Protein backbone atom coordinates (compact mmCIF):
# COMPACT_ATOMS: atom_id res chain seq x y z
CA UNK A 1 -9.76 24.26 14.58
CA UNK A 2 -7.19 24.42 11.76
CA UNK A 3 -6.34 21.24 9.79
CA UNK A 4 -3.31 19.27 10.94
CA UNK A 5 -0.56 19.02 8.38
CA UNK A 6 -0.89 15.27 8.08
CA UNK A 7 -4.65 15.53 7.62
CA UNK A 8 -3.98 18.05 4.86
CA UNK A 9 -1.39 15.90 3.15
CA UNK A 10 -3.71 12.81 3.27
CA UNK A 11 -6.73 14.73 1.87
CA UNK A 12 -4.70 16.23 -0.87
CA UNK A 13 -2.97 13.08 -1.97
CA UNK A 14 -6.12 11.46 -3.43
CA UNK A 15 -5.35 8.21 -1.71
CA UNK A 16 -7.80 5.42 -2.01
CA UNK A 17 -7.39 4.89 1.66
CA UNK A 18 -9.02 8.20 2.43
CA UNK A 19 -12.61 6.84 2.54
CA UNK A 20 -11.50 4.12 4.94
CA UNK A 21 -9.91 6.73 7.25
CA UNK A 22 -13.11 8.90 7.21
CA UNK A 23 -15.16 6.19 9.07
CA UNK A 24 -12.79 6.22 12.09
CA UNK A 25 -13.19 8.31 15.26
CA UNK A 26 -11.43 11.67 15.30
CA UNK A 27 -8.51 10.46 17.44
CA UNK A 28 -7.83 7.40 15.53
CA UNK A 29 -8.41 9.32 12.18
CA UNK A 30 -5.73 11.84 13.20
CA UNK A 31 -3.35 9.06 14.04
CA UNK A 32 -3.77 7.25 10.95
CA UNK A 33 -3.39 10.48 8.85
CA UNK A 34 0.06 10.88 10.61
CA UNK A 35 1.03 7.31 9.81
CA UNK A 36 -0.05 7.71 6.10
CA UNK A 37 1.72 11.05 5.84
CA UNK A 38 4.97 9.48 7.13
CA UNK A 39 4.66 6.63 4.53
CA UNK A 40 3.93 9.17 1.74
CA UNK A 41 6.92 11.51 2.46
CA UNK A 42 9.42 8.57 2.58
CA UNK A 43 7.87 7.03 -0.52
CA UNK A 44 8.33 10.47 -2.34
CA UNK A 45 12.06 10.30 -1.46
CA UNK A 46 12.50 7.43 -3.87
CA UNK A 47 9.63 7.99 -6.27
CA UNK A 48 9.44 11.60 -7.07
CA UNK A 49 11.67 13.47 -9.49
CA UNK A 50 14.10 15.48 -7.18
CA UNK A 51 13.22 13.28 -4.24
CA UNK A 52 15.84 13.05 -1.48
CA UNK A 53 16.80 9.50 -1.98
CA UNK A 54 18.93 7.90 0.74
CA UNK A 55 19.47 11.10 2.53
CA UNK A 56 15.74 11.73 2.83
CA UNK A 57 15.09 8.11 4.10
CA UNK A 58 17.73 8.63 6.67
CA UNK A 59 16.30 11.95 7.80
CA UNK A 60 12.80 10.68 8.14
CA UNK A 61 13.71 7.62 9.92
CA UNK A 62 15.70 9.75 12.40
CA UNK A 63 12.57 11.94 12.72
CA UNK A 64 10.52 8.76 13.61
CA UNK A 65 13.02 7.84 16.37
CA UNK A 66 12.76 11.52 17.63
CA UNK A 67 8.93 11.18 17.73
CA UNK A 68 9.29 8.04 20.03
CA UNK A 69 11.48 10.21 22.29
CA UNK A 70 8.88 13.10 22.20
CA UNK A 71 11.30 15.46 20.33
CA UNK A 72 9.97 15.79 16.77
CA UNK A 73 11.52 18.58 14.62
CA UNK A 74 8.94 18.84 11.87
CA UNK A 75 5.13 19.52 11.72
CA UNK A 76 4.51 16.02 10.46
CA UNK A 77 6.58 14.68 13.14
CA UNK A 78 4.53 16.49 15.72
CA UNK A 79 1.47 14.71 14.48
CA UNK A 80 3.25 11.46 14.42
CA UNK A 81 4.59 11.94 18.01
CA UNK A 82 1.10 12.56 19.27
CA UNK A 83 -0.07 9.41 17.59
CA UNK A 84 2.79 7.39 19.17
CA UNK A 85 1.65 8.63 22.70
CA UNK A 86 -1.74 7.28 22.00
CA UNK A 87 -1.19 3.99 20.21
CA UNK A 88 1.52 1.31 20.59
CA UNK A 89 2.92 1.17 17.16
CA UNK A 90 6.20 -0.75 17.14
CA UNK A 91 9.30 1.08 16.13
CA UNK A 92 10.19 -1.77 13.79
CA UNK A 93 7.17 -0.76 11.70
CA UNK A 94 8.89 2.46 10.64
CA UNK A 95 12.23 0.83 10.25
CA UNK A 96 10.79 -1.72 7.86
CA UNK A 97 8.96 0.82 5.86
CA UNK A 98 11.99 2.88 5.29
CA UNK A 99 14.04 -0.30 4.48
CA UNK A 100 11.39 -1.23 1.85
CA UNK A 101 11.68 2.31 0.25
CA UNK A 102 15.40 1.88 0.41
CA UNK A 103 15.07 -1.34 -1.80
CA UNK A 104 13.52 0.93 -4.53
CA UNK A 105 16.86 2.71 -4.76
CA UNK A 106 18.81 -0.34 -5.45
CA UNK A 107 16.67 -3.35 -6.44
CA UNK A 108 15.36 -3.29 -10.02
CA UNK A 109 14.32 -6.84 -10.49
CA UNK A 110 13.08 -9.66 -8.26
CA UNK A 111 14.29 -13.19 -9.17
CA UNK A 112 11.49 -15.15 -7.44
CA UNK A 113 8.12 -14.47 -5.67
CA UNK A 114 9.70 -15.14 -2.29
CA UNK A 115 11.98 -12.07 -3.05
CA UNK A 116 9.13 -9.93 -3.95
CA UNK A 117 7.05 -10.83 -1.04
CA UNK A 118 9.90 -9.73 1.27
CA UNK A 119 9.62 -6.39 -0.31
CA UNK A 120 5.86 -6.26 -0.12
CA UNK A 121 6.07 -7.08 3.63
CA UNK A 122 8.45 -4.22 4.30
CA UNK A 123 6.55 -1.60 2.21
CA UNK A 124 2.99 -2.73 2.76
CA UNK A 125 2.53 -5.32 5.55
CA UNK A 126 4.57 -3.09 7.97
CA UNK A 127 2.04 -0.30 7.44
CA UNK A 128 -0.75 -2.71 8.08
CA UNK A 129 0.86 -3.86 11.35
CA UNK A 130 1.15 -0.20 12.37
CA UNK A 131 -2.46 0.58 11.37
CA UNK A 132 -4.09 -2.19 13.40
CA UNK A 133 -2.44 -0.71 16.45
CA UNK A 134 -4.53 2.31 15.84
CA UNK A 135 -7.66 0.35 14.72
CA UNK A 136 -7.55 -1.71 17.94
CA UNK A 137 -7.67 -5.56 18.02
CA UNK A 138 -8.12 -8.20 20.63
CA UNK A 139 -6.78 -11.44 18.93
CA UNK A 140 -3.02 -11.45 18.16
CA UNK A 141 -3.93 -13.56 14.99
CA UNK A 142 -5.14 -10.22 13.61
CA UNK A 143 -1.51 -9.38 12.89
CA UNK A 144 -1.33 -12.29 10.52
CA UNK A 145 -4.29 -10.81 8.75
CA UNK A 146 -2.55 -7.42 8.44
CA UNK A 147 0.56 -9.01 6.83
CA UNK A 148 -1.37 -10.96 4.25
CA UNK A 149 -3.65 -7.94 3.32
CA UNK A 150 -0.71 -5.64 3.00
CA UNK A 151 0.79 -8.13 0.55
CA UNK A 152 -2.51 -8.17 -1.42
CA UNK A 153 -2.67 -4.44 -1.59
CA UNK A 154 0.94 -4.17 -2.75
CA UNK A 155 0.38 -6.84 -5.37
CA UNK A 156 -2.63 -4.74 -6.64
CA UNK A 157 -0.47 -1.73 -6.99
CA UNK A 158 2.12 -3.85 -8.88
CA UNK A 159 -0.45 -5.05 -11.46
CA UNK A 160 -1.88 -1.61 -11.88
CA UNK A 161 1.32 0.26 -12.20
CA UNK A 162 3.56 -1.89 -14.44
CA UNK A 163 4.04 1.03 -16.88
CA UNK A 164 4.61 3.67 -14.21
CA UNK A 165 7.26 1.47 -12.63
CA UNK A 166 8.70 0.67 -15.90
CA UNK A 167 9.53 4.24 -16.64
CA UNK A 168 11.57 4.30 -13.32
CA UNK A 169 13.40 1.13 -14.68
CA UNK A 170 11.60 -1.04 -12.06
CA UNK A 171 9.96 -4.43 -12.71
CA UNK A 172 8.10 -5.91 -9.65
CA UNK A 173 6.94 -9.08 -11.65
CA UNK A 174 9.14 -11.97 -10.49
CA UNK A 175 11.60 -13.09 -13.25
CA UNK A 176 10.59 -16.71 -12.46
CA UNK A 177 7.10 -15.87 -13.55
CA UNK A 178 8.30 -14.12 -16.77
CA UNK A 179 10.25 -17.41 -17.61
CA UNK A 180 7.01 -19.40 -17.07
CA UNK A 181 5.41 -17.47 -19.87
CA UNK A 182 8.48 -17.42 -21.97
CA UNK A 183 9.16 -13.69 -21.64
CA UNK A 184 12.27 -11.76 -20.86
CA UNK A 185 12.40 -8.68 -18.69
CA UNK A 186 13.37 -6.66 -21.79
CA UNK A 187 10.30 -7.71 -23.56
CA UNK A 188 7.99 -6.87 -20.65
CA UNK A 189 9.72 -3.49 -19.96
CA UNK A 190 9.54 -2.63 -23.74
CA UNK A 191 5.80 -3.24 -23.73
CA UNK A 192 5.27 -1.23 -20.64
CA UNK A 193 7.44 1.75 -21.69
CA UNK A 194 5.74 1.85 -25.10
CA UNK A 195 2.43 1.98 -23.47
CA UNK A 196 0.76 -1.15 -25.15
CA UNK A 197 -2.93 -1.03 -24.61
CA UNK A 198 -3.93 -3.81 -24.77
CA UNK A 199 -0.51 -5.43 -24.20
CA UNK A 200 0.53 -8.38 -26.20
CA UNK A 201 -1.56 -11.57 -25.29
CA UNK A 202 1.29 -13.25 -23.56
CA UNK A 203 1.97 -10.27 -21.44
CA UNK A 204 -1.80 -10.10 -20.53
CA UNK A 205 -1.49 -13.75 -19.54
CA UNK A 206 1.41 -12.92 -17.33
CA UNK A 207 -0.51 -10.09 -15.63
CA UNK A 208 -3.67 -12.22 -15.27
CA UNK A 209 -1.42 -14.67 -13.45
CA UNK A 210 -0.24 -11.86 -11.15
CA UNK A 211 -3.87 -10.76 -10.65
CA UNK A 212 -4.81 -14.28 -9.53
CA UNK A 213 -2.08 -14.31 -7.00
CA UNK A 214 -3.40 -11.01 -5.51
CA UNK A 215 -6.95 -12.49 -5.38
CA UNK A 216 -5.46 -15.49 -3.56
CA UNK A 217 -3.88 -13.04 -1.09
CA UNK A 218 -7.23 -11.21 -0.51
CA UNK A 219 -8.89 -14.54 0.25
CA UNK A 220 -6.05 -15.65 2.54
CA UNK A 221 -6.26 -12.47 4.45
CA UNK A 222 -9.97 -12.54 4.81
CA UNK A 223 -9.78 -16.15 6.16
CA UNK A 224 -7.21 -15.19 8.73
CA UNK A 225 -9.26 -12.30 10.34
CA UNK A 226 -10.64 -13.42 13.73
CA UNK A 227 -14.30 -12.93 14.21
CA UNK A 228 -13.71 -10.98 17.31
CA UNK A 229 -11.90 -8.21 15.40
CA UNK A 230 -13.94 -8.04 12.27
CA UNK A 231 -15.86 -4.86 13.23
CA UNK A 232 -12.56 -3.20 14.52
CA UNK A 233 -11.06 -3.99 11.13
CA UNK A 234 -13.77 -2.16 9.14
CA UNK A 235 -11.24 0.53 7.88
CA UNK A 236 -8.97 -2.27 6.72
CA UNK A 237 -11.78 -4.08 5.02
CA UNK A 238 -12.82 -0.90 3.24
CA UNK A 239 -9.17 -0.66 2.01
CA UNK A 240 -9.39 -4.29 0.96
CA UNK A 241 -12.73 -3.66 -0.99
CA UNK A 242 -11.58 -0.60 -2.81
CA UNK A 243 -8.40 -2.18 -3.80
CA UNK A 244 -10.03 -5.47 -4.86
CA UNK A 245 -12.47 -3.41 -7.13
CA UNK A 246 -9.58 -1.53 -8.63
CA UNK A 247 -7.88 -4.98 -9.43
CA UNK A 248 -10.97 -6.29 -11.11
CA UNK A 249 -11.31 -3.02 -13.13
CA UNK A 250 -7.80 -3.37 -14.31
CA UNK A 251 -8.54 -6.94 -15.28
CA UNK A 252 -11.67 -6.09 -17.03
CA UNK A 253 -9.81 -3.61 -19.27
CA UNK A 254 -7.29 -6.26 -20.32
CA UNK A 255 -4.41 -5.00 -18.10
CA UNK A 256 -3.63 -1.88 -20.12
CA UNK A 257 -0.22 -0.50 -19.94
CA UNK A 258 -0.80 2.67 -21.69
CA UNK A 259 -3.08 5.72 -21.08
CA UNK A 260 -4.05 7.03 -17.67
CA UNK A 261 -3.63 4.74 -14.52
CA UNK A 262 -6.88 2.80 -13.91
CA UNK A 263 -8.66 3.80 -10.79
CA UNK A 264 -12.06 4.21 -9.19
CA UNK A 265 -14.20 7.53 -9.15
CA UNK A 266 -14.48 9.21 -5.77
CA UNK A 267 -18.25 8.37 -5.84
CA UNK A 268 -17.39 4.75 -6.50
CA UNK A 269 -14.96 4.64 -3.51
CA UNK A 270 -17.36 6.29 -1.22
CA UNK A 271 -20.12 3.73 -2.24
CA UNK A 272 -17.80 0.94 -1.48
CA UNK A 273 -16.80 2.37 1.90
CA UNK A 274 -20.44 2.85 2.81
CA UNK A 275 -21.46 -0.59 1.58
CA UNK A 276 -18.59 -2.19 3.78
CA UNK A 277 -19.57 -0.05 6.82
CA UNK A 278 -23.20 -0.99 6.48
CA UNK A 279 -22.35 -4.71 6.23
CA UNK A 280 -20.17 -4.47 9.26
CA UNK A 281 -23.04 -3.50 11.44
CA UNK A 282 -24.57 -6.94 10.84
CA UNK A 283 -21.56 -8.88 12.01
């Protein structure tokens, strides 16, 4: 059988989520590939040079609505429509994901953490809420787990990608936190754009503060996961473990702003996935 377009896009993307997806049964795996592919293409609309921007976001949201009606017009849409026939993903998840990406076109700074959290809930927690409908769960409180884990994953991306975001004139570190460390956004942006590795000590302290916030989010999410759904959430827990390991690697390296993006090797991600899966069998 030929590979579905969404499966091919997911495999070629190099996403850290890939190893979490691989442990799922085929039907669920194909559905999560479709969800990931939708997220990827809308993200590319605002992140990639030559991306379609608002027009692309509008086009893909319209395609999502067509998928609910069973009338997709693209190959990826066909995969997504099939997933929506099989799993009860709320339409609001796609609307929130697109709304979060739209913020990247207009919002360059976040005054307070509360503002940033709203962004994280749209671009990441909404994905989590969609994903758990595919994973399957019994306790409604698992939705709270998905929200908090989504924020944790996005905060990890933010800590890792300060320099990448700065080159797009985006700063996802709350301005109230910069003020706490006596920094201006211009100082942080200059350090990021110039690729300081390691960054100035005060910037390192700021990023360490952000990393602690992410760690707190991981702990909060794990505490919220109902025991009855722990086994069903193994894919999410693999995502959590891989991203948490990435966060700790960034911290060990002193939160570098220069050089290649910090990440885990494929064997390391596969090992983390296998370890998490093995531990789940003893729940």
